[in-house]
C-alpha atoms as a PDB file:
ATOM      1  CA  UNK A   1       0.106  -0.487  -0.116  1.00  0.00           C
ATOM      2  CA  UNK A   2       1.493   3.008  -1.287  1.00  0.00           C
ATOM      3  CA  UNK A   3       0.610   6.633  -0.371  1.00  0.00           C
ATOM      4  CA  UNK A   4       1.197   9.188  -2.423  1.00  0.00           C
ATOM      5  CA  UNK A   5       1.906  12.797  -0.753  1.00  0.00           C
ATOM      6  CA  UNK A   6      -0.024  15.614  -2.312  1.00  0.00           C
ATOM      7  CA  UNK A   7       0.936  19.269  -1.032  1.00  0.00           C
ATOM      8  CA  UNK A   8       3.729  21.785  -1.506  1.00  0.00           C
ATOM      9  CA  UNK A   9       6.915  21.553  -0.114  1.00  0.00           C
ATOM     10  CA  UNK A  10       7.963  24.750   2.384  1.00  0.00           C
ATOM     11  CA  UNK A  11      10.048  26.206  -0.187  1.00  0.00           C
ATOM     12  CA  UNK A  12       7.889  25.739  -2.985  1.00  0.00           C
ATOM     13  CA  UNK A  13       5.638  27.944  -0.458  1.00  0.00           C
ATOM     14  CA  UNK A  14       8.951  30.580   0.810  1.00  0.00           C
ATOM     15  CA  UNK A  15       9.214  31.180  -2.961  1.00  0.00           C
ATOM     16  CA  UNK A  16       5.254  31.734  -3.583  1.00  0.00           C
ATOM     17  CA  UNK A  17       5.327  33.721  -0.296  1.00  0.00           C
ATOM     18  CA  UNK A  18       8.241  36.500  -2.294  1.00  0.00           C
ATOM     19  CA  UNK A  19       6.072  36.404  -5.673  1.00  0.00           C
ATOM     20  CA  UNK A  20       3.238  37.182  -3.751  1.00  0.00           C
ATOM     21  CA  UNK A  21       4.877  39.501  -1.182  1.00  0.00           C
ATOM     22  CA  UNK A  22       6.394  41.099  -4.310  1.00  0.00           C
ATOM     23  CA  UNK A  23       3.163  42.271  -6.234  1.00  0.00           C
ATOM     24  CA  UNK A  24       1.567  42.966  -3.323  1.00  0.00           C
ATOM     25  CA  UNK A  25       3.896  45.494  -2.830  1.00  0.00           C
ATOM     26  CA  UNK A  26       4.276  47.117  -6.291  1.00  0.00           C
ATOM     27  CA  UNK A  27       0.540  47.651  -5.814  1.00  0.00           C
ATOM     28  CA  UNK A  28       0.393  48.630  -2.430  1.00  0.00           C
ATOM     29  CA  UNK A  29       2.798  51.256  -3.832  1.00  0.00           C
ATOM     30  CA  UNK A  30       0.326  52.281  -7.602  1.00  0.00           C
ATOM     31  CA  UNK A  31      -2.589  52.084  -6.235  1.00  0.00           C
ATOM     32  CA  UNK A  32      -2.339  55.468  -4.986  1.00  0.00           C
ATOM     33  CA  UNK A  33      -0.682  56.468  -8.021  1.00  0.00           C
ATOM     34  CA  UNK A  34      -3.865  55.602  -9.963  1.00  0.00           C
ATOM     35  CA  UNK A  35      -6.371  56.739  -7.491  1.00  0.00           C
ATOM     36  CA  UNK A  36      -4.996  60.231  -7.970  1.00  0.00           C
ATOM     37  CA  UNK A  37      -5.204  60.101 -11.992  1.00  0.00           C
ATOM     38  CA  UNK A  38      -8.878  58.998 -11.529  1.00  0.00           C
ATOM     39  CA  UNK A  39      -9.359  62.295  -8.947  1.00  0.00           C
ATOM     40  CA  UNK A  40      -7.671  64.136 -12.030  1.00  0.00           C
ATOM     41  CA  UNK A  41     -10.164  62.564 -14.897  1.00  0.00           C
ATOM     42  CA  UNK A  42     -12.751  63.108 -13.001  1.00  0.00           C
ATOM     43  CA  UNK A  43     -12.129  66.676 -12.151  1.00  0.00           C
ATOM     44  CA  UNK A  44     -11.448  67.110 -16.340  1.00  0.00           C
ATOM     45  CA  UNK A  45     -14.888  65.432 -16.609  1.00  0.00           C
ATOM     46  CA  UNK A  46     -16.539  68.377 -14.149  1.00  0.00           C
ATOM     47  CA  UNK A  47     -14.914  70.691 -16.404  1.00  0.00           C
ATOM     48  CA  UNK A  48     -17.756  69.906 -18.653  1.00  0.00           C
ATOM     49  CA  UNK A  49     -20.683  70.804 -16.650  1.00  0.00           C
ATOM     50  CA  UNK A  50     -18.795  74.593 -16.501  1.00  0.00           C
ATOM     51  CA  UNK A  51     -21.048  77.323 -18.350  1.00  0.00           C
ATOM     52  CA  UNK A  52     -18.850  79.014 -20.979  1.00  0.00           C
ATOM     53  CA  UNK A  53     -15.926  76.545 -20.429  1.00  0.00           C
ATOM     54  CA  UNK A  54     -15.006  77.153 -24.181  1.00  0.00           C
ATOM     55  CA  UNK A  55     -14.690  80.893 -24.075  1.00  0.00           C
ATOM     56  CA  UNK A  56     -12.156  80.934 -20.780  1.00  0.00           C
ATOM     57  CA  UNK A  57      -8.538  80.961 -21.290  1.00  0.00           C
ATOM     58  CA  UNK A  58      -5.778  78.602 -19.969  1.00  0.00           C
ATOM     59  CA  UNK A  59      -5.140  80.782 -16.926  1.00  0.00           C
ATOM     60  CA  UNK A  60      -8.753  80.389 -16.101  1.00  0.00           C
ATOM     61  CA  UNK A  61      -8.951  77.101 -16.311  1.00  0.00           C
ATOM     62  CA  UNK A  62      -5.673  76.040 -14.608  1.00  0.00           C
ATOM     63  CA  UNK A  63      -7.345  78.008 -11.808  1.00  0.00           C
ATOM     64  CA  UNK A  64     -10.664  75.692 -11.784  1.00  0.00           C
ATOM     65  CA  UNK A  65      -9.044  72.986 -12.364  1.00  0.00           C
ATOM     66  CA  UNK A  66      -7.058  72.969  -9.189  1.00  0.00           C
ATOM     67  CA  UNK A  67      -9.737  74.177  -7.098  1.00  0.00           C
ATOM     68  CA  UNK A  68     -11.045  70.551  -8.755  1.00  0.00           C
ATOM     69  CA  UNK A  69      -7.926  69.058  -7.812  1.00  0.00           C
ATOM     70  CA  UNK A  70      -7.927  69.583  -3.677  1.00  0.00           C
ATOM     71  CA  UNK A  71     -11.455  68.627  -3.742  1.00  0.00           C
ATOM     72  CA  UNK A  72     -10.335  65.335  -5.676  1.00  0.00           C
ATOM     73  CA  UNK A  73      -7.189  65.122  -3.435  1.00  0.00           C
ATOM     74  CA  UNK A  74      -4.853  65.414  -5.654  1.00  0.00           C
ATOM     75  CA  UNK A  75      -1.653  67.009  -4.740  1.00  0.00           C
ATOM     76  CA  UNK A  76      -0.567  70.361  -6.018  1.00  0.00           C
ATOM     77  CA  UNK A  77       2.950  69.321  -7.028  1.00  0.00           C
ATOM     78  CA  UNK A  78       1.467  66.139  -9.074  1.00  0.00           C
ATOM     79  CA  UNK A  79       0.647  68.322 -12.108  1.00  0.00           C
ATOM     80  CA  UNK A  80       2.630  71.664 -12.527  1.00  0.00           C
ATOM     81  CA  UNK A  81       0.750  74.303 -14.349  1.00  0.00           C
ATOM     82  CA  UNK A  82       2.612  73.850 -17.692  1.00  0.00           C
ATOM     83  CA  UNK A  83       1.128  70.525 -18.016  1.00  0.00           C
ATOM     84  CA  UNK A  84      -2.269  71.850 -18.462  1.00  0.00           C
ATOM     85  CA  UNK A  85      -2.955  72.879 -22.009  1.00  0.00           C
ATOM     86  CA  UNK A  86      -5.802  74.303 -23.944  1.00  0.00           C
ATOM     87  CA  UNK A  87      -5.843  73.846 -27.715  1.00  0.00           C
ATOM     88  CA  UNK A  88      -8.399  75.903 -29.719  1.00  0.00           C
ATOM     89  CA  UNK A  89      -8.646  75.534 -33.237  1.00  0.00           C
ATOM     90  CA  UNK A  90     -11.227  76.135 -35.419  1.00  0.00           C
ATOM     91  CA  UNK A  91     -13.684  76.343 -32.610  1.00  0.00           C
ATOM     92  CA  UNK A  92     -13.480  73.302 -31.421  1.00  0.00           C
ATOM     93  CA  UNK A  93     -11.153  73.308 -27.665  1.00  0.00           C
ATOM     94  CA  UNK A  94      -9.836  70.268 -26.295  1.00  0.00           C
ATOM     95  CA  UNK A  95      -7.843  70.298 -22.953  1.00  0.00           C
ATOM     96  CA  UNK A  96      -4.819  68.036 -22.004  1.00  0.00           C
ATOM     97  CA  UNK A  97      -3.497  67.325 -18.959  1.00  0.00           C
ATOM     98  CA  UNK A  98       0.069  65.099 -18.664  1.00  0.00           C
ATOM     99  CA  UNK A  99       2.361  63.958 -15.531  1.00  0.00           C
ATOM    100  CA  UNK A 100       4.502  61.888 -14.540  1.00  0.00           C
ATOM    101  CA  UNK A 101       5.016  60.010 -11.012  1.00  0.00           C
ATOM    102  CA  UNK A 102       8.408  58.230  -9.872  1.00  0.00           C
ATOM    103  CA  UNK A 103       7.360  55.943  -7.197  1.00  0.00           C
ATOM    104  CA  UNK A 104      10.110  55.014  -4.898  1.00  0.00           C
ATOM    105  CA  UNK A 105      10.269  51.210  -4.946  1.00  0.00           C
ATOM    106  CA  UNK A 106      12.739  48.985  -3.321  1.00  0.00           C
ATOM    107  CA  UNK A 107      16.314  50.493  -2.616  1.00  0.00           C
ATOM    108  CA  UNK A 108      17.619  52.368  -6.060  1.00  0.00           C
ATOM    109  CA  UNK A 109      14.671  51.333  -8.017  1.00  0.00           C
ATOM    110  CA  UNK A 110      11.946  53.193  -8.684  1.00  0.00           C
ATOM    111  CA  UNK A 111       8.913  53.325 -10.334  1.00  0.00           C
ATOM    112  CA  UNK A 112       8.100  55.991 -13.772  1.00  0.00           C
ATOM    113  CA  UNK A 113       4.401  55.901 -14.421  1.00  0.00           C
ATOM    114  CA  UNK A 114       3.286  58.726 -17.170  1.00  0.00           C
ATOM    115  CA  UNK A 115      -0.210  59.933 -17.365  1.00  0.00           C
ATOM    116  CA  UNK A 116      -1.734  61.789 -20.732  1.00  0.00           C
ATOM    117  CA  UNK A 117      -5.827  62.515 -21.103  1.00  0.00           C
ATOM    118  CA  UNK A 118      -6.961  64.908 -23.133  1.00  0.00           C
ATOM    119  CA  UNK A 119     -10.618  65.827 -23.158  1.00  0.00           C
ATOM    120  CA  UNK A 120     -13.012  67.151 -25.766  1.00  0.00           C
ATOM    121  CA  UNK A 121     -14.674  70.561 -24.259  1.00  0.00           C
ATOM    122  CA  UNK A 122     -16.471  71.362 -27.591  1.00  0.00           C
ATOM    123  CA  UNK A 123     -19.657  70.004 -25.629  1.00  0.00           C
ATOM    124  CA  UNK A 124     -19.604  65.654 -26.454  1.00  0.00           C
ATOM    125  CA  UNK A 125     -17.225  65.668 -23.560  1.00  0.00           C
ATOM    126  CA  UNK A 126     -15.736  62.742 -25.658  1.00  0.00           C
ATOM    127  CA  UNK A 127     -12.418  61.867 -24.241  1.00  0.00           C
ATOM    128  CA  UNK A 128      -9.401  61.692 -26.880  1.00  0.00           C
ATOM    129  CA  UNK A 129      -6.107  59.970 -25.763  1.00  0.00           C
END
């Protein structure tokens, strides 16, 4: 009567724990960054409800966005003013927000996440990525 053993060895379990821990640590570092990006996108979408948004200049839009960013818990240093661009061409207006976020990961290894979102302000609200 031969019995066969089933399951994972201790060394195999440690390897699985290390790999799972690595990805859990990466997720803990990246989730807040993506949550902040969702706040940026939500702030941009809220601009569509503002009356006369297409007639405003870039300075007014930056000020409106910064107010909305503070409500959405977006850090002031995350999106510099020069990374908020308003493009107007033949009656159509689009708003572009782009920025990079550097996250300390492990020792001298950093994660760099780039975000770029363009929003059509001419009334449809369709995103152009």
